[in-house]
C-alpha atoms as a PDB file:
ATOM      1  CA  MET A   1      -1.594  17.738  12.399  1.00  0.00           C
ATOM      2  CA  SER A   2       0.953  16.523  10.861  1.00  0.00           C
ATOM      3  CA  LEU A   3       1.377  13.219   9.162  1.00  0.00           C
ATOM      4  CA  VAL A   4       1.459  10.196  11.501  1.00  0.00           C
ATOM      5  CA  PRO A   5       3.570   6.626  11.663  1.00  0.00           C
ATOM      6  CA  MET A   6       2.188   4.115   9.802  1.00  0.00           C
ATOM      7  CA  LYS A   7       2.530   1.769  12.753  1.00  0.00           C
ATOM      8  CA  GLN A   8       0.397   3.570  15.087  1.00  0.00           C
ATOM      9  CA  ILE A   9      -2.231   3.641  12.406  1.00  0.00           C
ATOM     10  CA  LEU A  10      -1.827  -0.690  11.681  1.00  0.00           C
ATOM     11  CA  ASP A  11      -1.418  -1.184  15.794  1.00  0.00           C
ATOM     12  CA  GLU A  12      -5.191   0.624  16.019  1.00  0.00           C
ATOM     13  CA  ALA A  13      -6.097  -1.464  13.467  1.00  0.00           C
ATOM     14  CA  GLU A  14      -4.992  -4.897  15.058  1.00  0.00           C
ATOM     15  CA  ARG A  15      -6.365  -3.510  18.408  1.00  0.00           C
ATOM     16  CA  GLY A  16      -9.772  -3.063  15.826  1.00  0.00           C
ATOM     17  CA  GLY A  17      -9.875  -5.873  14.249  1.00  0.00           C
ATOM     18  CA  TYR A  18      -9.761  -4.419  10.462  1.00  0.00           C
ATOM     19  CA  GLY A  19      -7.694  -3.575   7.652  1.00  0.00           C
ATOM     20  CA  VAL A  20      -6.748  -0.140   6.373  1.00  0.00           C
ATOM     21  CA  GLY A  21      -6.191  -0.017   2.919  1.00  0.00           C
ATOM     22  CA  ALA A  22      -2.783   1.775   1.580  1.00  0.00           C
ATOM     23  CA  PHE A  23      -3.384   3.701  -2.123  1.00  0.00           C
ATOM     24  CA  ASN A  24      -0.638   4.594  -4.560  1.00  0.00           C
ATOM     25  CA  VAL A  25      -0.153   7.892  -6.104  1.00  0.00           C
ATOM     26  CA  ASN A  26       1.345   9.657  -8.584  1.00  0.00           C
ATOM     27  CA  ASN A  27      -0.465  12.936  -8.697  1.00  0.00           C
ATOM     28  CA  MET A  28      -2.639  15.663  -7.131  1.00  0.00           C
ATOM     29  CA  GLU A  29      -6.157  14.044  -8.448  1.00  0.00           C
ATOM     30  CA  GLN A  30      -5.190  10.874  -6.821  1.00  0.00           C
ATOM     31  CA  ILE A  31      -4.268  12.481  -3.584  1.00  0.00           C
ATOM     32  CA  GLN A  32      -7.027  14.622  -3.271  1.00  0.00           C
ATOM     33  CA  GLY A  33      -9.420  11.615  -4.707  1.00  0.00           C
ATOM     34  CA  ILE A  34      -8.198   9.529  -1.701  1.00  0.00           C
ATOM     35  CA  VAL A  35      -8.607  11.916   1.414  1.00  0.00           C
ATOM     36  CA  ARG A  36     -11.546  13.148   0.804  1.00  0.00           C
ATOM     37  CA  ALA A  37     -12.614   9.186   0.553  1.00  0.00           C
ATOM     38  CA  ALA A  38     -10.489   9.155   3.878  1.00  0.00           C
ATOM     39  CA  ARG A  39     -12.725  12.016   4.837  1.00  0.00           C
ATOM     40  CA  GLU A  40     -16.268  11.297   4.086  1.00  0.00           C
ATOM     41  CA  THR A  41     -15.382   7.552   5.602  1.00  0.00           C
ATOM     42  CA  ASN A  42     -13.519   9.069   8.665  1.00  0.00           C
ATOM     43  CA  SER A  43     -11.160   6.762   8.172  1.00  0.00           C
ATOM     44  CA  PRO A  44      -7.513   6.399   8.812  1.00  0.00           C
ATOM     45  CA  VAL A  45      -5.424   6.489   5.299  1.00  0.00           C
ATOM     46  CA  ILE A  46      -2.379   4.862   4.048  1.00  0.00           C
ATOM     47  CA  ILE A  47      -1.093   6.633   0.634  1.00  0.00           C
ATOM     48  CA  GLN A  48       2.033   4.947  -0.912  1.00  0.00           C
ATOM     49  CA  ALA A  49       4.575   6.206  -3.318  1.00  0.00           C
ATOM     50  CA  SER A  50       6.775   3.840  -5.670  1.00  0.00           C
ATOM     51  CA  LYS A  51      10.261   4.456  -6.226  1.00  0.00           C
ATOM     52  CA  GLY A  52       8.191   5.283  -9.675  1.00  0.00           C
ATOM     53  CA  ALA A  53       6.049   7.580  -8.340  1.00  0.00           C
ATOM     54  CA  LEU A  54       9.090   9.694  -6.910  1.00  0.00           C
ATOM     55  CA  ARG A  55      10.667   9.811 -10.312  1.00  0.00           C
ATOM     56  CA  TYR A  56       7.918  11.234 -11.613  1.00  0.00           C
ATOM     57  CA  THR A  57       7.085  13.878  -9.079  1.00  0.00           C
ATOM     58  CA  ASN A  58      10.352  14.992  -9.304  1.00  0.00           C
ATOM     59  CA  LEU A  59      10.477  14.351  -5.690  1.00  0.00           C
ATOM     60  CA  ILE A  60       9.160  17.810  -4.346  1.00  0.00           C
ATOM     61  CA  TYR A  61       6.059  17.699  -5.954  1.00  0.00           C
ATOM     62  CA  LEU A  62       5.030  14.550  -3.970  1.00  0.00           C
ATOM     63  CA  LYS A  63       6.132  16.192  -0.964  1.00  0.00           C
ATOM     64  CA  LYS A  64       4.485  19.380  -1.130  1.00  0.00           C
ATOM     65  CA  LEU A  65       0.853  18.021  -2.214  1.00  0.00           C
ATOM     66  CA  MET A  66       1.174  15.520   0.656  1.00  0.00           C
ATOM     67  CA  GLU A  67       1.655  18.487   2.443  1.00  0.00           C
ATOM     68  CA  ALA A  68      -1.214  20.192   1.034  1.00  0.00           C
ATOM     69  CA  ALA A  69      -3.276  16.831   1.739  1.00  0.00           C
ATOM     70  CA  VAL A  70      -2.620  17.118   5.484  1.00  0.00           C
ATOM     71  CA  GLU A  71      -2.747  20.896   5.889  1.00  0.00           C
ATOM     72  CA  GLU A  72      -6.460  20.636   4.292  1.00  0.00           C
ATOM     73  CA  ASN A  73      -7.530  17.632   6.363  1.00  0.00           C
ATOM     74  CA  PRO A  74      -5.715  18.422   9.867  1.00  0.00           C
ATOM     75  CA  ASN A  75      -7.672  15.817  11.718  1.00  0.00           C
ATOM     76  CA  LEU A  76      -7.416  12.820   9.626  1.00  0.00           C
ATOM     77  CA  LYS A  77      -4.718   9.962  10.496  1.00  0.00           C
ATOM     78  CA  ILE A  78      -2.763   9.915   7.280  1.00  0.00           C
ATOM     79  CA  ALA A  79       0.942   7.663   6.811  1.00  0.00           C
ATOM     80  CA  LEU A  80       2.836   8.290   3.604  1.00  0.00           C
ATOM     81  CA  HIS A  81       4.628   4.993   3.001  1.00  0.00           C
ATOM     82  CA  LEU A  82       7.210   4.279   0.366  1.00  0.00           C
ATOM     83  CA  ASP A  83       6.106   1.215  -1.594  1.00  0.00           C
ATOM     84  CA  HIS A  84       8.485  -1.470  -2.672  1.00  0.00           C
ATOM     85  CA  GLY A  85      11.810   0.212  -2.091  1.00  0.00           C
ATOM     86  CA  ASN A  86      14.478  -1.907  -3.138  1.00  0.00           C
ATOM     87  CA  ASP A  87      17.749  -0.082  -2.043  1.00  0.00           C
ATOM     88  CA  LEU A  88      18.911   1.734   0.837  1.00  0.00           C
ATOM     89  CA  GLU A  89      19.339   4.721  -0.971  1.00  0.00           C
ATOM     90  CA  VAL A  90      15.636   5.457  -2.086  1.00  0.00           C
ATOM     91  CA  ILE A  91      15.388   4.168   1.764  1.00  0.00           C
ATOM     92  CA  ARG A  92      17.342   7.123   2.869  1.00  0.00           C
ATOM     93  CA  THR A  93      15.708   9.471   0.292  1.00  0.00           C
ATOM     94  CA  ALA A  94      12.359   9.055   1.348  1.00  0.00           C
ATOM     95  CA  ILE A  95      13.077   9.217   5.148  1.00  0.00           C
ATOM     96  CA  ASP A  96      14.491  12.574   4.029  1.00  0.00           C
ATOM     97  CA  LEU A  97      11.800  13.643   2.320  1.00  0.00           C
ATOM     98  CA  GLY A  98       9.457  13.222   5.160  1.00  0.00           C
ATOM     99  CA  PHE A  99       7.707   9.811   4.535  1.00  0.00           C
ATOM    100  CA  THR A 100       6.434   7.960   7.852  1.00  0.00           C
ATOM    101  CA  SER A 101       6.777   4.366   6.805  1.00  0.00           C
ATOM    102  CA  VAL A 102       9.330   3.114   4.370  1.00  0.00           C
ATOM    103  CA  MET A 103       9.087  -0.645   2.942  1.00  0.00           C
ATOM    104  CA  LEU A 104      12.588  -2.441   1.738  1.00  0.00           C
ATOM    105  CA  ASP A 105      11.756  -5.210  -0.645  1.00  0.00           C
ATOM    106  CA  GLY A 106      14.210  -7.793  -0.367  1.00  0.00           C
ATOM    107  CA  SER A 107      12.725 -10.351  -1.153  1.00  0.00           C
ATOM    108  CA  LEU A 108      14.349  -9.374  -5.060  1.00  0.00           C
ATOM    109  CA  GLU A 109      17.113  -8.817  -6.285  1.00  0.00           C
ATOM    110  CA  PRO A 110      17.920  -5.204  -8.039  1.00  0.00           C
ATOM    111  CA  ASP A 111      17.188  -6.339 -11.490  1.00  0.00           C
ATOM    112  CA  GLY A 112      13.392  -6.758  -9.777  1.00  0.00           C
ATOM    113  CA  LYS A 113      12.987 -10.415 -10.909  1.00  0.00           C
ATOM    114  CA  THR A 114      15.511 -12.475  -9.022  1.00  0.00           C
ATOM    115  CA  PRO A 115      14.715 -13.891  -5.852  1.00  0.00           C
ATOM    116  CA  ARG A 116      16.886 -12.925  -2.923  1.00  0.00           C
ATOM    117  CA  SER A 117      18.293 -15.281  -0.715  1.00  0.00           C
ATOM    118  CA  PHE A 118      16.723 -15.205   2.967  1.00  0.00           C
ATOM    119  CA  ASP A 119      20.372 -14.060   4.546  1.00  0.00           C
ATOM    120  CA  SER A 120      20.699 -11.215   1.909  1.00  0.00           C
ATOM    121  CA  ASN A 121      16.744 -10.315   2.486  1.00  0.00           C
ATOM    122  CA  VAL A 122      17.544 -10.067   6.364  1.00  0.00           C
ATOM    123  CA  ASP A 123      20.950  -7.781   5.717  1.00  0.00           C
ATOM    124  CA  ILE A 124      19.529  -5.702   3.628  1.00  0.00           C
ATOM    125  CA  THR A 125      16.255  -5.202   5.577  1.00  0.00           C
ATOM    126  CA  ARG A 126      17.542  -4.708   8.415  1.00  0.00           C
ATOM    127  CA  ARG A 127      20.236  -2.318   7.826  1.00  0.00           C
ATOM    128  CA  ALA A 128      17.057  -0.366   6.530  1.00  0.00           C
ATOM    129  CA  VAL A 129      15.530  -0.753   9.766  1.00  0.00           C
ATOM    130  CA  GLU A 130      18.530   0.578  11.190  1.00  0.00           C
ATOM    131  CA  MET A 131      18.549   3.483   9.357  1.00  0.00           C
ATOM    132  CA  ALA A 132      14.447   3.874   9.479  1.00  0.00           C
ATOM    133  CA  HIS A 133      13.898   3.580  13.638  1.00  0.00           C
ATOM    134  CA  PRO A 134      16.058   6.454  14.918  1.00  0.00           C
ATOM    135  CA  HIS A 135      14.223   8.686  12.842  1.00  0.00           C
ATOM    136  CA  GLY A 136      10.697   7.057  13.993  1.00  0.00           C
ATOM    137  CA  VAL A 137       9.821   5.333  10.643  1.00  0.00           C
ATOM    138  CA  THR A 138       8.085   2.826  10.135  1.00  0.00           C
ATOM    139  CA  VAL A 139       9.522  -0.505   8.508  1.00  0.00           C
ATOM    140  CA  GLU A 140       7.783  -3.259   6.320  1.00  0.00           C
ATOM    141  CA  GLY A 141       9.718  -6.086   4.651  1.00  0.00           C
ATOM    142  CA  GLU A 142       8.326  -8.410   2.417  1.00  0.00           C
ATOM    143  CA  LEU A 143       9.144 -12.480   2.608  1.00  0.00           C
ATOM    144  CA  GLY A 144       8.048 -14.596  -0.269  1.00  0.00           C
ATOM    145  CA  THR A 145       7.534 -13.334  -4.209  1.00  0.00           C
ATOM    146  CA  LEU A 146       3.643 -12.400  -6.024  1.00  0.00           C
ATOM    147  CA  GLY A 147       3.154 -12.886  -9.454  1.00  0.00           C
ATOM    148  CA  GLY A 148       2.085 -10.208 -12.217  1.00  0.00           C
ATOM    149  CA  ILE A 149       4.128  -7.092 -12.839  1.00  0.00           C
ATOM    150  CA  GLU A 150       4.061  -3.645 -10.926  1.00  0.00           C
ATOM    151  CA  GLU A 151       6.442  -1.040 -12.295  1.00  0.00           C
ATOM    152  CA  HIS A 152       9.893  -2.462 -11.768  1.00  0.00           C
ATOM    153  CA  VAL A 153       8.651  -5.781  -9.821  1.00  0.00           C
ATOM    154  CA  GLN A 154       7.980  -8.865 -11.327  1.00  0.00           C
ATOM    155  CA  ALA A 155       9.648 -11.726  -9.943  1.00  0.00           C
ATOM    156  CA  SER A 156      10.405 -14.767 -12.265  1.00  0.00           C
ATOM    157  CA  ARG A 157       8.649 -17.056 -10.148  1.00  0.00           C
ATOM    158  CA  VAL A 158       6.266 -16.662  -7.192  1.00  0.00           C
ATOM    159  CA  ILE A 159       7.310 -18.200  -3.732  1.00  0.00           C
ATOM    160  CA  LEU A 160       4.672 -18.458  -0.765  1.00  0.00           C
ATOM    161  CA  THR A 161       5.754 -17.138   2.675  1.00  0.00           C
ATOM    162  CA  ASP A 162       6.965 -20.199   5.244  1.00  0.00           C
ATOM    163  CA  PRO A 163       5.797 -19.245   8.577  1.00  0.00           C
ATOM    164  CA  GLU A 164       8.543 -20.528  10.523  1.00  0.00           C
ATOM    165  CA  GLU A 165      11.057 -18.522   7.855  1.00  0.00           C
ATOM    166  CA  ALA A 166       8.709 -15.316   8.463  1.00  0.00           C
ATOM    167  CA  ALA A 167       9.164 -15.545  12.384  1.00  0.00           C
ATOM    168  CA  ILE A 168      13.214 -15.995  11.821  1.00  0.00           C
ATOM    169  CA  PHE A 169      13.273 -13.062  10.002  1.00  0.00           C
ATOM    170  CA  VAL A 170      11.106 -10.757  11.972  1.00  0.00           C
ATOM    171  CA  GLU A 171      13.321 -11.875  14.904  1.00  0.00           C
ATOM    172  CA  ARG A 172      16.554 -11.070  12.596  1.00  0.00           C
ATOM    173  CA  THR A 173      15.432  -7.862  11.322  1.00  0.00           C
ATOM    174  CA  GLY A 174      12.800  -5.660  13.617  1.00  0.00           C
ATOM    175  CA  VAL A 175      10.339  -5.236  11.187  1.00  0.00           C
ATOM    176  CA  ASP A 176       7.104  -3.487  12.212  1.00  0.00           C
ATOM    177  CA  ALA A 177       5.083  -5.146   9.683  1.00  0.00           C
ATOM    178  CA  LEU A 178       5.601  -7.805   6.976  1.00  0.00           C
ATOM    179  CA  ALA A 179       4.082  -8.277   3.638  1.00  0.00           C
ATOM    180  CA  VAL A 180       3.452 -11.832   2.725  1.00  0.00           C
ATOM    181  CA  ALA A 181       2.808 -13.898  -0.321  1.00  0.00           C
ATOM    182  CA  ILE A 182       0.000 -15.426  -0.221  1.00  0.00           C
ATOM    183  CA  GLY A 183      -0.699 -16.194  -3.920  1.00  0.00           C
ATOM    184  CA  THR A 184      -2.039 -12.624  -4.411  1.00  0.00           C
ATOM    185  CA  SER A 185      -0.529 -10.939  -7.465  1.00  0.00           C
ATOM    186  CA  HIS A 186       0.405  -7.390  -9.080  1.00  0.00           C
ATOM    187  CA  GLY A 187      -1.375  -5.828 -12.035  1.00  0.00           C
ATOM    188  CA  ALA A 188      -5.049  -5.936 -13.514  1.00  0.00           C
ATOM    189  CA  TYR A 189      -4.455  -9.715 -15.196  1.00  0.00           C
ATOM    190  CA  LYS A 190      -3.646 -11.370 -12.179  1.00  0.00           C
ATOM    191  CA  PHE A 191      -5.254 -14.610 -12.250  1.00  0.00           C
ATOM    192  CA  LYS A 192      -7.388 -17.164 -14.791  1.00  0.00           C
ATOM    193  CA  ASP A 193     -10.224 -18.012 -12.374  1.00  0.00           C
ATOM    194  CA  THR A 194     -11.309 -17.086  -8.973  1.00  0.00           C
ATOM    195  CA  PRO A 195      -8.270 -17.318  -6.921  1.00  0.00           C
ATOM    196  CA  THR A 196      -7.577 -19.511  -3.960  1.00  0.00           C
ATOM    197  CA  LEU A 197      -5.454 -17.775  -1.339  1.00  0.00           C
ATOM    198  CA  ALA A 198      -3.348 -19.040   1.377  1.00  0.00           C
ATOM    199  CA  ILE A 199      -5.266 -17.665   4.256  1.00  0.00           C
ATOM    200  CA  ASN A 200      -3.979 -20.536   6.298  1.00  0.00           C
ATOM    201  CA  LEU A 201      -0.637 -19.018   6.470  1.00  0.00           C
ATOM    202  CA  VAL A 202      -1.662 -15.541   7.307  1.00  0.00           C
ATOM    203  CA  GLU A 203      -3.180 -17.370  10.570  1.00  0.00           C
ATOM    204  CA  LYS A 204      -0.064 -18.958  11.006  1.00  0.00           C
ATOM    205  CA  ILE A 205       2.000 -16.133  10.835  1.00  0.00           C
ATOM    206  CA  HIS A 206      -0.227 -13.868  12.729  1.00  0.00           C
ATOM    207  CA  ALA A 207      -0.071 -16.500  15.364  1.00  0.00           C
ATOM    208  CA  LEU A 208       3.760 -16.666  15.493  1.00  0.00           C
ATOM    209  CA  VAL A 209       4.888 -12.708  15.236  1.00  0.00           C
ATOM    210  CA  PRO A 210       1.328 -11.183  16.828  1.00  0.00           C
ATOM    211  CA  ASP A 211       3.080  -7.608  17.143  1.00  0.00           C
ATOM    212  CA  VAL A 212       3.995  -7.591  13.054  1.00  0.00           C
ATOM    213  CA  ARG A 213       1.160  -6.220  10.965  1.00  0.00           C
ATOM    214  CA  ILE A 214       0.558  -8.238   7.974  1.00  0.00           C
ATOM    215  CA  VAL A 215       0.358  -6.654   4.833  1.00  0.00           C
ATOM    216  CA  MET A 216      -1.385  -7.925   1.676  1.00  0.00           C
ATOM    217  CA  HIS A 217      -0.061  -6.362  -1.619  1.00  0.00           C
ATOM    218  CA  GLY A 218      -0.976  -7.269  -4.967  1.00  0.00           C
ATOM    219  CA  SER A 219      -4.929  -6.604  -3.449  1.00  0.00           C
ATOM    220  CA  SER A 220      -6.915  -4.953  -6.260  1.00  0.00           C
ATOM    221  CA  SER A 221     -10.233  -5.919  -6.870  1.00  0.00           C
ATOM    222  CA  VAL A 222      -9.755  -4.903 -10.801  1.00  0.00           C
ATOM    223  CA  PRO A 223     -13.924  -4.742 -10.800  1.00  0.00           C
ATOM    224  CA  ALA A 224     -15.481  -5.823 -13.952  1.00  0.00           C
ATOM    225  CA  GLU A 225     -17.637  -3.048 -14.103  1.00  0.00           C
ATOM    226  CA  LEU A 226     -14.399  -0.516 -14.389  1.00  0.00           C
ATOM    227  CA  ILE A 227     -13.223  -3.179 -17.212  1.00  0.00           C
ATOM    228  CA  ASP A 228     -16.589  -3.295 -19.313  1.00  0.00           C
ATOM    229  CA  ALA A 229     -16.581   0.702 -19.504  1.00  0.00           C
ATOM    230  CA  ILE A 230     -12.425   0.810 -20.539  1.00  0.00           C
ATOM    231  CA  ASN A 231     -13.192  -2.121 -22.879  1.00  0.00           C
ATOM    232  CA  ARG A 232     -16.549  -0.231 -24.158  1.00  0.00           C
ATOM    233  CA  TYR A 233     -14.978   2.650 -24.898  1.00  0.00           C
ATOM    234  CA  GLY A 234     -12.045   1.565 -27.251  1.00  0.00           C
ATOM    235  CA  GLY A 235      -9.441   0.056 -24.515  1.00  0.00           C
ATOM    236  CA  GLN A 236      -8.089  -3.269 -24.790  1.00  0.00           C
ATOM    237  CA  MET A 237      -8.072  -5.307 -21.443  1.00  0.00           C
ATOM    238  CA  PRO A 238      -9.368  -8.683 -21.753  1.00  0.00           C
ATOM    239  CA  ASN A 239      -9.421 -11.319 -19.205  1.00  0.00           C
ATOM    240  CA  ALA A 240      -8.490  -9.017 -16.405  1.00  0.00           C
ATOM    241  CA  ARG A 241      -8.935 -10.287 -13.155  1.00  0.00           C
ATOM    242  CA  GLY A 242      -8.477  -9.076  -9.734  1.00  0.00           C
ATOM    243  CA  VAL A 243      -8.535 -10.122  -5.740  1.00  0.00           C
ATOM    244  CA  PRO A 244     -12.209 -10.462  -5.111  1.00  0.00           C
ATOM    245  CA  VAL A 245     -13.254  -8.036  -1.620  1.00  0.00           C
ATOM    246  CA  GLU A 246     -14.859 -11.110   0.073  1.00  0.00           C
ATOM    247  CA  ALA A 247     -11.435 -12.865   0.074  1.00  0.00           C
ATOM    248  CA  ILE A 248      -9.347  -9.763   1.093  1.00  0.00           C
ATOM    249  CA  GLN A 249     -12.275  -9.598   3.946  1.00  0.00           C
ATOM    250  CA  GLU A 250     -11.063 -12.915   4.837  1.00  0.00           C
ATOM    251  CA  GLY A 251      -7.413 -11.736   4.991  1.00  0.00           C
ATOM    252  CA  ILE A 252      -8.078  -9.036   7.466  1.00  0.00           C
ATOM    253  CA  ARG A 253     -10.315 -11.779   9.830  1.00  0.00           C
ATOM    254  CA  HIS A 254      -7.251 -13.742  10.123  1.00  0.00           C
ATOM    255  CA  GLY A 255      -4.491 -10.978  10.985  1.00  0.00           C
ATOM    256  CA  VAL A 256      -4.478  -8.553   7.883  1.00  0.00           C
ATOM    257  CA  ARG A 257      -3.801  -5.196   8.526  1.00  0.00           C
ATOM    258  CA  LYS A 258      -2.544  -3.758   5.562  1.00  0.00           C
ATOM    259  CA  ILE A 259      -3.826  -3.902   2.435  1.00  0.00           C
ATOM    260  CA  ASN A 260      -2.559  -2.710  -0.985  1.00  0.00           C
ATOM    261  CA  VAL A 261      -4.287  -1.234  -3.812  1.00  0.00           C
ATOM    262  CA  ASP A 262      -2.773   0.496  -6.600  1.00  0.00           C
ATOM    263  CA  THR A 263      -4.567  -0.831 -10.011  1.00  0.00           C
ATOM    264  CA  ASP A 264      -8.310  -0.187  -9.005  1.00  0.00           C
ATOM    265  CA  THR A 265      -8.101   3.823  -8.652  1.00  0.00           C
ATOM    266  CA  ARG A 266      -5.642   3.460 -11.908  1.00  0.00           C
ATOM    267  CA  LEU A 267      -8.905   1.550 -13.837  1.00  0.00           C
ATOM    268  CA  ALA A 268     -11.157   4.059 -12.169  1.00  0.00           C
ATOM    269  CA  ALA A 269      -9.076   6.944 -13.740  1.00  0.00           C
ATOM    270  CA  THR A 270      -8.791   5.518 -17.488  1.00  0.00           C
ATOM    271  CA  ALA A 271     -12.325   4.298 -17.442  1.00  0.00           C
ATOM    272  CA  THR A 272     -13.808   8.271 -16.992  1.00  0.00           C
ATOM    273  CA  ILE A 273     -11.314   9.650 -19.295  1.00  0.00           C
ATOM    274  CA  ARG A 274     -12.262   6.996 -22.082  1.00  0.00           C
ATOM    275  CA  ARG A 275     -15.928   7.346 -21.385  1.00  0.00           C
ATOM    276  CA  ILE A 276     -15.413  11.361 -21.228  1.00  0.00           C
ATOM    277  CA  PHE A 277     -13.572  11.373 -24.527  1.00  0.00           C
ATOM    278  CA  HIS A 278     -16.226   8.545 -26.372  1.00  0.00           C
ATOM    279  CA  ASP A 279     -19.001  10.925 -25.228  1.00  0.00           C
ATOM    280  CA  SER A 280     -17.861  14.535 -25.364  1.00  0.00           C
ATOM    281  CA  PRO A 281     -14.990  14.844 -28.425  1.00  0.00           C
ATOM    282  CA  THR A 282     -14.400  18.412 -28.026  1.00  0.00           C
ATOM    283  CA  VAL A 283     -13.297  18.544 -24.467  1.00  0.00           C
ATOM    284  CA  PHE A 284      -9.779  19.805 -24.177  1.00  0.00           C
ATOM    285  CA  ASP A 285      -9.766  21.260 -20.878  1.00  0.00           C
ATOM    286  CA  PRO A 286      -7.977  18.903 -18.362  1.00  0.00           C
ATOM    287  CA  ARG A 287     -10.141  20.351 -15.580  1.00  0.00           C
ATOM    288  CA  ASP A 288     -13.379  18.401 -17.462  1.00  0.00           C
ATOM    289  CA  TYR A 289     -11.863  14.908 -17.382  1.00  0.00           C
ATOM    290  CA  LEU A 290      -9.598  14.909 -14.618  1.00  0.00           C
ATOM    291  CA  GLY A 291     -11.998  16.377 -11.920  1.00  0.00           C
ATOM    292  CA  PRO A 292     -14.236  13.458 -13.089  1.00  0.00           C
ATOM    293  CA  VAL A 293     -11.226  11.125 -12.427  1.00  0.00           C
ATOM    294  CA  ARG A 294     -10.672  12.252  -9.121  1.00  0.00           C
ATOM    295  CA  ASP A 295     -14.660  11.904  -8.214  1.00  0.00           C
ATOM    296  CA  ALA A 296     -14.250   7.997  -9.580  1.00  0.00           C
ATOM    297  CA  ILE A 297     -10.647   7.473  -7.036  1.00  0.00           C
ATOM    298  CA  THR A 298     -12.981   8.977  -4.175  1.00  0.00           C
ATOM    299  CA  ALA A 299     -15.967   6.003  -4.711  1.00  0.00           C
ATOM    300  CA  VAL A 300     -13.610   3.521  -5.569  1.00  0.00           C
ATOM    301  CA  VAL A 301     -11.688   4.427  -2.561  1.00  0.00           C
ATOM    302  CA  LYS A 302     -14.627   4.919  -0.730  1.00  0.00           C
ATOM    303  CA  GLU A 303     -16.043   1.374  -1.360  1.00  0.00           C
ATOM    304  CA  ARG A 304     -12.186  -0.174   0.089  1.00  0.00           C
ATOM    305  CA  MET A 305     -12.402   1.695   3.437  1.00  0.00           C
ATOM    306  CA  ILE A 306     -15.907   0.049   4.074  1.00  0.00           C
ATOM    307  CA  ALA A 307     -15.163  -3.131   2.837  1.00  0.00           C
ATOM    308  CA  PHE A 308     -11.876  -3.108   5.160  1.00  0.00           C
ATOM    309  CA  GLY A 309     -13.583  -2.165   7.860  1.00  0.00           C
ATOM    310  CA  SER A 310     -11.582   1.270   8.685  1.00  0.00           C
ATOM    311  CA  ALA A 311     -14.539   3.466   7.580  1.00  0.00           C
ATOM    312  CA  GLY A 312     -15.281   5.029  11.322  1.00  0.00           C
ATOM    313  CA  HIS A 313     -11.843   4.931  13.331  1.00  0.00           C
ATOM    314  CA  ASN A 314      -9.761   8.079  12.579  1.00  0.00           C
ATOM    315  CA  ASP A 315     -11.291   9.329  15.440  1.00  0.00           C
ATOM    316  CA  ASP A 316     -10.841   5.938  17.894  1.00  0.00           C
ATOM    317  CA  TYR A 317      -7.551   7.323  19.008  1.00  0.00           C
ATOM    318  CA  ALA A 318      -5.042  10.372  19.102  1.00  0.00           C
ATOM    319  CA  PRO A 319      -2.365  10.826  16.937  1.00  0.00           C
ATOM    320  CA  THR A 320       1.463  10.027  17.559  1.00  0.00           C
ATOM    321  CA  THR A 321       4.804  12.261  15.993  1.00  0.00           C
ATOM    322  CA  LEU A 322       7.826  10.554  14.615  1.00  0.00           C
ATOM    323  CA  GLU A 323       9.483  11.887  17.680  1.00  0.00           C
ATOM    324  CA  ALA A 324       7.814   9.771  20.362  1.00  0.00           C
ATOM    325  CA  MET A 325       7.859   6.845  18.078  1.00  0.00           C
ATOM    326  CA  LYS A 326      12.154   7.399  17.974  1.00  0.00           C
ATOM    327  CA  GLN A 327      11.890   7.364  21.867  1.00  0.00           C
ATOM    328  CA  VAL A 328       9.809   4.101  21.031  1.00  0.00           C
ATOM    329  CA  TYR A 329      12.543   2.306  19.357  1.00  0.00           C
ATOM    330  CA  ALA A 330      15.077   3.545  21.240  1.00  0.00           C
ATOM    331  CA  ALA A 331      13.717   2.003  24.073  1.00  0.00           C
ATOM    332  CA  ARG A 332      13.504  -1.094  22.379  1.00  0.00           C
ATOM    333  CA  ARG A 333      17.144  -1.131  21.244  1.00  0.00           C
ATOM    334  CA  HIS A 334      18.337  -0.590  24.858  1.00  0.00           C
ATOM    335  CA  SER A 335      16.037  -3.238  26.469  1.00  0.00           C
END
């Protein structure tokens, strides 16, 4: 089986009332760890790569690693998603590489900091849809801005998503999924205290655009035990704090279907490597620490798949294809 369109995974999650984790990758161990977690929990999964990840893997390595993951796991529903694409060139690159979903983050200007105007966001996102849908590729847009830092993304101010604007945005762009700003934040230092998320906005947006799937970005939980391990073995990450899993579960109950997780797997990797280097200073074979990193990533991802409710749902439906989605989108354009 080949990669499946993200739209199908999210539409099935909507029918089942659960959320699906979207986990960022940059290398082989991350991909292997995430896919193993999906296999062991029988969960559909979204694997996503940022523009930075594409550069890091020189494009072709990521493509071939994902092909290997699909070949090794032919029964898993796996979507490959471009995270935070901020221009049409990277959208085209992802489509050409075989991604089954792309995100056009038009919430910020190309500098990754200045909030973009609503009309400008609509325009560039609509053009991404016009580029992707003829290939059967799912499109995620973003409205509003998050705090924190994620690679090149660091908004100068936080703007929560307005539900009425969201409805207009969806109508004008034709996106399949919408990342909303409800108080989450990128990175490991999300909050000074336990956050209160604007779940009421999720409920309102879900009611206004029931056919579009809602996405939570900046949703790593930053587990205290991982931070403690990093600091115990020489790291310096004081006051790191994330989104409680319970808050994400509340969002899922009100309509969130895609949950972005990146920092948690990075923390699992870092804590593991620091512990091994501390306890076994003679280790020099990368397999002796990257293998345990892979295991630690699997453990974190399995926890999230169970918590988000996607575990056990991989076999609920037959996979569709990009070719089939081309026909769906073509029919929509001509209706």
